[in-house]
Amino acid sequence: MDMNDLRGILTAVIFFAFIGICIWAWSSRRKKDFEATAALPLEEDKVLTTNERENN
């Protein structure tokens, strides 16, 4: 086994990891989480009163 074999194996491992991440990211189970995360910048900020700041 020489360096080129190791490079080929590493390339294959990274390729399959990439495919796995793509499948995970685009799965229908993740859609709800991603939609909630995408809506975060559009939500109103909660204004804390002085009393709430002291308690946090």
Protein backbone atom coordinates (compact mmCIF):
# COMPACT_ATOMS: atom_id res chain seq x y z
CA MET A 1 0.00 0.00 0.00
CA ASP A 2 1.56 3.25 -1.08
CA MET A 3 0.67 6.92 -0.67
CA ASN A 4 -1.61 6.95 -3.72
CA ASP A 5 -3.77 4.17 -2.23
CA LEU A 6 -4.16 6.15 0.97
CA ARG A 7 -5.10 9.27 -0.99
CA GLY A 8 -7.71 7.31 -2.93
CA ILE A 9 -9.21 5.85 0.24
CA LEU A 10 -9.27 9.28 1.91
CA THR A 11 -10.96 10.80 -1.15
CA ALA A 12 -13.63 8.09 -1.08
CA VAL A 13 -14.24 8.57 2.67
CA ILE A 14 -14.58 12.34 2.27
CA PHE A 15 -16.88 11.90 -0.73
CA PHE A 16 -19.21 9.56 1.16
CA ALA A 17 -19.20 11.88 4.18
CA PHE A 18 -20.20 14.75 1.88
CA ILE A 19 -23.04 12.69 0.38
CA GLY A 20 -24.19 11.72 3.89
CA ILE A 21 -24.26 15.35 5.03
CA CYS A 22 -26.23 16.35 1.93
CA ILE A 23 -28.79 13.60 2.56
CA TRP A 24 -29.06 14.61 6.23
CA ALA A 25 -29.49 18.30 5.40
CA TRP A 26 -32.13 17.75 2.74
CA SER A 27 -34.12 15.07 4.60
CA SER A 28 -37.78 15.81 5.30
CA ARG A 29 -37.24 15.23 9.05
CA ARG A 30 -35.02 18.34 9.20
CA LYS A 31 -37.43 20.64 7.33
CA LYS A 32 -39.29 21.77 10.47
CA ASP A 33 -36.04 22.67 12.28
CA PHE A 34 -34.64 24.57 9.30
CA GLU A 35 -37.87 26.53 8.78
CA ALA A 36 -37.86 27.57 12.44
CA THR A 37 -34.21 28.62 12.22
CA ALA A 38 -34.83 30.56 9.00
CA ALA A 39 -37.63 32.55 10.69
CA LEU A 40 -35.44 33.70 13.61
CA PRO A 41 -34.22 36.97 12.00
CA LEU A 42 -37.83 37.97 11.30
CA GLU A 43 -39.06 37.61 14.88
CA GLU A 44 -39.41 40.62 17.14
CA ASP A 45 -36.85 41.05 19.89
CA LYS A 46 -38.11 40.75 23.44
CA VAL A 47 -37.40 43.89 25.44
CA LEU A 48 -36.24 43.08 28.95
CA THR A 49 -37.30 45.25 31.83
CA THR A 50 -34.86 46.18 34.55
CA ASN A 51 -36.29 43.54 36.86
CA GLU A 52 -35.91 40.79 34.24
CA ARG A 53 -32.29 41.80 33.57
CA GLU A 54 -31.42 41.47 37.26
CA ASN A 55 -32.94 37.99 37.39
CA ASN A 56 -30.99 36.79 34.34
